[in-house]
PDB file of N, CA and C in Angstrom:
ATOM      1  N   UNK A   1      -8.317  -8.596  -6.315  1.00  0.00           N
ATOM      2  CA  UNK A   1      -6.697  -9.001  -6.954  1.00  0.00           C
ATOM      3  C   UNK A   1      -6.293  -7.664  -7.832  1.00  0.00           C
ATOM      4  N   UNK A   2      -5.113  -7.789  -7.353  1.00  0.00           N
ATOM      5  CA  UNK A   2      -4.367  -6.675  -7.943  1.00  0.00           C
ATOM      6  C   UNK A   2      -3.449  -7.467  -9.198  1.00  0.00           C
ATOM      7  N   UNK A   3      -3.293  -6.888 -10.054  1.00  0.00           N
ATOM      8  CA  UNK A   3      -2.229  -6.799 -11.107  1.00  0.00           C
ATOM      9  C   UNK A   3      -1.684  -5.968 -11.268  1.00  0.00           C
ATOM     10  N   UNK A   4      -0.212  -6.134 -11.112  1.00  0.00           N
ATOM     11  CA  UNK A   4       0.914  -5.064 -11.338  1.00  0.00           C
ATOM     12  C   UNK A   4       1.570  -5.399 -12.801  1.00  0.00           C
ATOM     13  N   UNK A   5       2.281  -4.757 -13.742  1.00  0.00           N
ATOM     14  CA  UNK A   5       2.622  -4.645 -14.759  1.00  0.00           C
ATOM     15  C   UNK A   5       4.371  -4.151 -14.441  1.00  0.00           C
ATOM     16  N   UNK A   6       5.218  -5.182 -14.433  1.00  0.00           N
ATOM     17  CA  UNK A   6       6.558  -4.530 -14.094  1.00  0.00           C
ATOM     18  C   UNK A   6       7.491  -4.297 -15.621  1.00  0.00           C
ATOM     19  N   UNK A   7       8.058  -3.366 -15.664  1.00  0.00           N
ATOM     20  CA  UNK A   7       9.550  -4.172 -16.368  1.00  0.00           C
ATOM     21  C   UNK A   7      10.573  -3.654 -15.536  1.00  0.00           C
ATOM     22  N   UNK A   8      11.641  -4.726 -16.507  1.00  0.00           N
ATOM     23  CA  UNK A   8      13.343  -4.434 -15.464  1.00  0.00           C
ATOM     24  C   UNK A   8      13.847  -2.929 -15.591  1.00  0.00           C
ATOM     25  N   UNK A   9      13.816  -2.317 -17.058  1.00  0.00           N
ATOM     26  CA  UNK A   9      14.671  -1.438 -16.886  1.00  0.00           C
ATOM     27  C   UNK A   9      13.561  -0.662 -18.011  1.00  0.00           C
ATOM     28  N   UNK A  10      13.026  -0.210 -17.660  1.00  0.00           N
ATOM     29  CA  UNK A  10      12.255   0.739 -19.067  1.00  0.00           C
ATOM     30  C   UNK A  10      13.286   1.446 -19.862  1.00  0.00           C
ATOM     31  N   UNK A  11      13.150   1.387 -21.199  1.00  0.00           N
ATOM     32  CA  UNK A  11      13.971   2.029 -22.139  1.00  0.00           C
ATOM     33  C   UNK A  11      13.184   3.422 -22.227  1.00  0.00           C
ATOM     34  N   UNK A  12      14.537   3.975 -23.230  1.00  0.00           N
ATOM     35  CA  UNK A  12      13.945   5.512 -22.611  1.00  0.00           C
ATOM     36  C   UNK A  12      13.907   6.240 -24.243  1.00  0.00           C
ATOM     37  N   UNK A  13      13.069   4.891 -25.168  1.00  0.00           N
ATOM     38  CA  UNK A  13      12.484   5.627 -26.469  1.00  0.00           C
ATOM     39  C   UNK A  13      11.073   6.309 -26.134  1.00  0.00           C
ATOM     40  N   UNK A  14      10.950   6.586 -27.113  1.00  0.00           N
ATOM     41  CA  UNK A  14       9.366   7.327 -27.075  1.00  0.00           C
ATOM     42  C   UNK A  14       8.267   6.286 -27.334  1.00  0.00           C
ATOM     43  N   UNK A  15       8.210   4.966 -27.809  1.00  0.00           N
ATOM     44  CA  UNK A  15       7.606   4.247 -27.653  1.00  0.00           C
ATOM     45  C   UNK A  15       7.457   3.580 -26.418  1.00  0.00           C
ATOM     46  N   UNK A  16       8.225   3.497 -25.540  1.00  0.00           N
ATOM     47  CA  UNK A  16       7.968   2.757 -24.248  1.00  0.00           C
ATOM     48  C   UNK A  16       7.118   3.758 -23.559  1.00  0.00           C
ATOM     49  N   UNK A  17       7.321   5.444 -23.442  1.00  0.00           N
ATOM     50  CA  UNK A  17       7.018   6.128 -22.918  1.00  0.00           C
ATOM     51  C   UNK A  17       5.316   6.433 -23.405  1.00  0.00           C
ATOM     52  N   UNK A  18       5.206   5.956 -24.807  1.00  0.00           N
ATOM     53  CA  UNK A  18       3.669   6.105 -25.016  1.00  0.00           C
ATOM     54  C   UNK A  18       2.943   4.758 -24.762  1.00  0.00           C
ATOM     55  N   UNK A  19       3.643   4.126 -24.470  1.00  0.00           N
ATOM     56  CA  UNK A  19       3.027   2.658 -24.094  1.00  0.00           C
ATOM     57  C   UNK A  19       2.368   3.059 -22.132  1.00  0.00           C
ATOM     58  N   UNK A  20       3.312   3.791 -21.187  1.00  0.00           N
ATOM     59  CA  UNK A  20       2.898   3.969 -20.538  1.00  0.00           C
ATOM     60  C   UNK A  20       1.993   5.050 -20.241  1.00  0.00           C
ATOM     61  N   UNK A  21       2.203   6.134 -21.276  1.00  0.00           N
ATOM     62  CA  UNK A  21       0.848   6.890 -21.051  1.00  0.00           C
ATOM     63  C   UNK A  21      -0.263   6.774 -21.248  1.00  0.00           C
ATOM     64  N   UNK A  22      -0.655   5.318 -22.178  1.00  0.00           N
ATOM     65  CA  UNK A  22      -1.488   4.461 -22.547  1.00  0.00           C
ATOM     66  C   UNK A  22      -2.574   4.047 -21.262  1.00  0.00           C
ATOM     67  N   UNK A  23      -1.598   3.572 -20.196  1.00  0.00           N
ATOM     68  CA  UNK A  23      -1.908   3.140 -19.388  1.00  0.00           C
ATOM     69  C   UNK A  23      -2.587   4.425 -17.939  1.00  0.00           C
ATOM     70  N   UNK A  24      -1.295   5.199 -17.974  1.00  0.00           N
ATOM     71  CA  UNK A  24      -1.222   6.411 -16.501  1.00  0.00           C
ATOM     72  C   UNK A  24      -1.980   7.552 -17.150  1.00  0.00           C
ATOM     73  N   UNK A  25      -3.201   7.619 -17.484  1.00  0.00           N
ATOM     74  CA  UNK A  25      -3.983   8.690 -17.997  1.00  0.00           C
ATOM     75  C   UNK A  25      -4.460   9.205 -16.655  1.00  0.00           C
ATOM     76  N   UNK A  26      -5.089  10.685 -16.970  1.00  0.00           N
ATOM     77  CA  UNK A  26      -5.913  11.632 -16.020  1.00  0.00           C
ATOM     78  C   UNK A  26      -7.260  10.976 -16.138  1.00  0.00           C
ATOM     79  N   UNK A  27      -8.049  10.552 -14.662  1.00  0.00           N
ATOM     80  CA  UNK A  27      -9.231  10.176 -14.520  1.00  0.00           C
ATOM     81  C   UNK A  27     -10.039  11.571 -14.748  1.00  0.00           C
ATOM     82  N   UNK A  28     -11.739  11.564 -14.897  1.00  0.00           N
ATOM     83  CA  UNK A  28     -12.083  12.932 -14.535  1.00  0.00           C
ATOM     84  C   UNK A  28     -11.862  13.737 -13.158  1.00  0.00           C
ATOM     85  N   UNK A  29     -12.009  12.982 -12.288  1.00  0.00           N
ATOM     86  CA  UNK A  29     -11.180  13.429 -10.922  1.00  0.00           C
ATOM     87  C   UNK A  29     -10.032  13.721 -10.508  1.00  0.00           C
ATOM     88  N   UNK A  30      -9.343  14.422 -11.699  1.00  0.00           N
ATOM     89  CA  UNK A  30      -7.848  14.429 -11.460  1.00  0.00           C
ATOM     90  C   UNK A  30      -7.021  13.435 -11.167  1.00  0.00           C
ATOM     91  N   UNK A  31      -7.186  12.208 -10.665  1.00  0.00           N
ATOM     92  CA  UNK A  31      -6.069  11.170 -10.349  1.00  0.00           C
ATOM     93  C   UNK A  31      -5.804   9.969 -11.291  1.00  0.00           C
ATOM     94  N   UNK A  32      -4.475   9.703 -11.492  1.00  0.00           N
ATOM     95  CA  UNK A  32      -4.175   8.711 -12.327  1.00  0.00           C
ATOM     96  C   UNK A  32      -4.942   7.403 -12.415  1.00  0.00           C
ATOM     97  N   UNK A  33      -5.339   7.111 -13.430  1.00  0.00           N
ATOM     98  CA  UNK A  33      -6.241   6.000 -13.291  1.00  0.00           C
ATOM     99  C   UNK A  33      -5.623   4.477 -13.476  1.00  0.00           C
ATOM    100  N   UNK A  34      -4.013   4.669 -14.374  1.00  0.00           N
ATOM    101  CA  UNK A  34      -3.162   3.552 -13.977  1.00  0.00           C
ATOM    102  C   UNK A  34      -3.073   3.344 -13.046  1.00  0.00           C
ATOM    103  N   UNK A  35      -2.636   4.271 -12.120  1.00  0.00           N
ATOM    104  CA  UNK A  35      -1.853   3.943 -10.520  1.00  0.00           C
ATOM    105  C   UNK A  35      -3.294   3.168  -9.740  1.00  0.00           C
ATOM    106  N   UNK A  36      -4.206   4.091  -9.892  1.00  0.00           N
ATOM    107  CA  UNK A  36      -5.204   3.724  -9.071  1.00  0.00           C
ATOM    108  C   UNK A  36      -5.787   2.217  -9.610  1.00  0.00           C
ATOM    109  N   UNK A  37      -6.009   1.498 -10.896  1.00  0.00           N
ATOM    110  CA  UNK A  37      -6.232   0.399 -11.112  1.00  0.00           C
ATOM    111  C   UNK A  37      -5.034  -1.063 -11.288  1.00  0.00           C
ATOM    112  N   UNK A  38      -3.814  -0.221 -11.026  1.00  0.00           N
ATOM    113  CA  UNK A  38      -2.625  -1.472 -11.165  1.00  0.00           C
ATOM    114  C   UNK A  38      -2.119  -1.603  -9.662  1.00  0.00           C
ATOM    115  N   UNK A  39      -1.966  -0.607  -9.067  1.00  0.00           N
ATOM    116  CA  UNK A  39      -1.404  -0.273  -8.122  1.00  0.00           C
ATOM    117  C   UNK A  39      -2.411   0.261  -6.919  1.00  0.00           C
ATOM    118  N   UNK A  40      -3.408   0.199  -6.998  1.00  0.00           N
ATOM    119  CA  UNK A  40      -4.525   0.533  -5.976  1.00  0.00           C
ATOM    120  C   UNK A  40      -4.038   1.588  -4.956  1.00  0.00           C
ATOM    121  N   UNK A  41      -3.504   3.046  -5.469  1.00  0.00           N
ATOM    122  CA  UNK A  41      -2.988   3.853  -5.140  1.00  0.00           C
ATOM    123  C   UNK A  41      -3.505   5.254  -5.437  1.00  0.00           C
ATOM    124  N   UNK A  42      -3.780   5.984  -4.689  1.00  0.00           N
ATOM    125  CA  UNK A  42      -4.090   7.365  -5.229  1.00  0.00           C
ATOM    126  C   UNK A  42      -3.156   8.180  -5.717  1.00  0.00           C
ATOM    127  N   UNK A  43      -2.992   8.545  -6.852  1.00  0.00           N
ATOM    128  CA  UNK A  43      -2.026   9.454  -7.091  1.00  0.00           C
ATOM    129  C   UNK A  43      -2.433  10.501  -8.192  1.00  0.00           C
ATOM    130  N   UNK A  44      -2.381  12.032  -8.021  1.00  0.00           N
ATOM    131  CA  UNK A  44      -2.845  12.732  -8.490  1.00  0.00           C
ATOM    132  C   UNK A  44      -2.206  12.936 -10.308  1.00  0.00           C
ATOM    133  N   UNK A  45      -2.599  12.819 -11.066  1.00  0.00           N
ATOM    134  CA  UNK A  45      -2.283  12.837 -12.742  1.00  0.00           C
ATOM    135  C   UNK A  45      -1.203  14.221 -12.506  1.00  0.00           C
ATOM    136  N   UNK A  46      -0.223  14.593 -13.093  1.00  0.00           N
ATOM    137  CA  UNK A  46       0.960  13.312 -13.612  1.00  0.00           C
ATOM    138  C   UNK A  46       1.329  12.814 -12.278  1.00  0.00           C
ATOM    139  N   UNK A  47       1.456  11.425 -12.539  1.00  0.00           N
ATOM    140  CA  UNK A  47       1.867  10.464 -11.483  1.00  0.00           C
ATOM    141  C   UNK A  47       3.494  10.601 -11.806  1.00  0.00           C
ATOM    142  N   UNK A  48       4.294   9.841 -10.954  1.00  0.00           N
ATOM    143  CA  UNK A  48       5.846   9.889 -11.562  1.00  0.00           C
ATOM    144  C   UNK A  48       6.235   9.370 -13.086  1.00  0.00           C
ATOM    145  N   UNK A  49       5.109   7.920 -13.057  1.00  0.00           N
ATOM    146  CA  UNK A  49       5.577   7.473 -13.847  1.00  0.00           C
ATOM    147  C   UNK A  49       5.149   8.298 -15.435  1.00  0.00           C
ATOM    148  N   UNK A  50       3.686   8.912 -15.261  1.00  0.00           N
ATOM    149  CA  UNK A  50       3.582  10.124 -16.005  1.00  0.00           C
ATOM    150  C   UNK A  50       4.231  10.976 -16.862  1.00  0.00           C
ATOM    151  N   UNK A  51       4.601  11.219 -15.641  1.00  0.00           N
ATOM    152  CA  UNK A  51       5.895  12.625 -16.013  1.00  0.00           C
ATOM    153  C   UNK A  51       7.223  12.267 -16.610  1.00  0.00           C
ATOM    154  N   UNK A  52       7.584  10.802 -16.250  1.00  0.00           N
ATOM    155  CA  UNK A  52       8.962  10.293 -16.925  1.00  0.00           C
ATOM    156  C   UNK A  52       8.456  10.296 -18.466  1.00  0.00           C
ATOM    157  N   UNK A  53       7.369   9.663 -18.528  1.00  0.00           N
ATOM    158  CA  UNK A  53       6.759   9.333 -19.692  1.00  0.00           C
ATOM    159  C   UNK A  53       6.655  10.730 -21.223  1.00  0.00           C
ATOM    160  N   UNK A  54       5.880  11.622 -20.154  1.00  0.00           N
ATOM    161  CA  UNK A  54       6.114  13.338 -20.715  1.00  0.00           C
ATOM    162  C   UNK A  54       7.290  13.338 -21.265  1.00  0.00           C
ATOM    163  N   UNK A  55       8.272  13.420 -20.268  1.00  0.00           N
ATOM    164  CA  UNK A  55       9.671  14.266 -20.297  1.00  0.00           C
ATOM    165  C   UNK A  55      10.305  13.212 -21.228  1.00  0.00           C
ATOM    166  N   UNK A  56       9.734  11.943 -21.140  1.00  0.00           N
ATOM    167  CA  UNK A  56      11.225  11.305 -22.431  1.00  0.00           C
ATOM    168  C   UNK A  56      10.229  11.488 -24.008  1.00  0.00           C
ATOM    169  N   UNK A  57       8.869  11.794 -24.222  1.00  0.00           N
ATOM    170  CA  UNK A  57       8.536  12.418 -25.727  1.00  0.00           C
ATOM    171  C   UNK A  57       8.117  14.066 -25.684  1.00  0.00           C
ATOM    172  N   UNK A  58       8.849  14.618 -24.705  1.00  0.00           N
ATOM    173  CA  UNK A  58       8.767  16.289 -25.155  1.00  0.00           C
ATOM    174  C   UNK A  58       7.559  16.531 -25.091  1.00  0.00           C
ATOM    175  N   UNK A  59       6.865  15.773 -23.746  1.00  0.00           N
ATOM    176  CA  UNK A  59       5.248  16.371 -23.553  1.00  0.00           C
ATOM    177  C   UNK A  59       4.441  16.551 -24.985  1.00  0.00           C
ATOM    178  N   UNK A  60       4.787  16.096 -26.247  1.00  0.00           N
ATOM    179  CA  UNK A  60       3.876  15.339 -26.961  1.00  0.00           C
ATOM    180  C   UNK A  60       2.835  14.813 -27.084  1.00  0.00           C
ATOM    181  N   UNK A  61       3.012  13.494 -26.013  1.00  0.00           N
ATOM    182  CA  UNK A  61       1.744  12.726 -25.910  1.00  0.00           C
ATOM    183  C   UNK A  61       0.671  13.881 -25.155  1.00  0.00           C
ATOM    184  N   UNK A  62      -0.574  13.483 -25.465  1.00  0.00           N
ATOM    185  CA  UNK A  62      -1.287  14.378 -24.397  1.00  0.00           C
ATOM    186  C   UNK A  62      -2.210  13.097 -23.470  1.00  0.00           C
ATOM    187  N   UNK A  63      -1.267  12.835 -22.622  1.00  0.00           N
ATOM    188  CA  UNK A  63      -1.784  11.627 -22.013  1.00  0.00           C
ATOM    189  C   UNK A  63      -2.839  12.362 -21.120  1.00  0.00           C
ATOM    190  N   UNK A  64      -3.821  11.499 -21.329  1.00  0.00           N
ATOM    191  CA  UNK A  64      -5.193  11.647 -20.360  1.00  0.00           C
ATOM    192  C   UNK A  64      -6.371  12.286 -21.255  1.00  0.00           C
ATOM    193  N   UNK A  65      -5.888  12.658 -22.313  1.00  0.00           N
ATOM    194  CA  UNK A  65      -7.136  14.142 -23.101  1.00  0.00           C
ATOM    195  C   UNK A  65      -6.969  12.855 -24.291  1.00  0.00           C
ATOM    196  N   UNK A  66      -7.858  11.984 -23.974  1.00  0.00           N
ATOM    197  CA  UNK A  66      -8.399  10.956 -25.273  1.00  0.00           C
ATOM    198  C   UNK A  66     -10.046  11.181 -25.572  1.00  0.00           C
TER     199      UNK A  66
END
């Protein structure tokens, strides 16, 4: 079963970007855990969603370093 989470138009505020970084984080093998889990695709971290979120937050959020 595949579960996809979509938003119509993500806002450009920092709260939306932080929510995306909670899902799209680096796995130990360097792949994006969010892309693998939600869309079953292999993407290196930072994926396109994580790059957007990091750009919005000004790289202040440490996506994947939890």
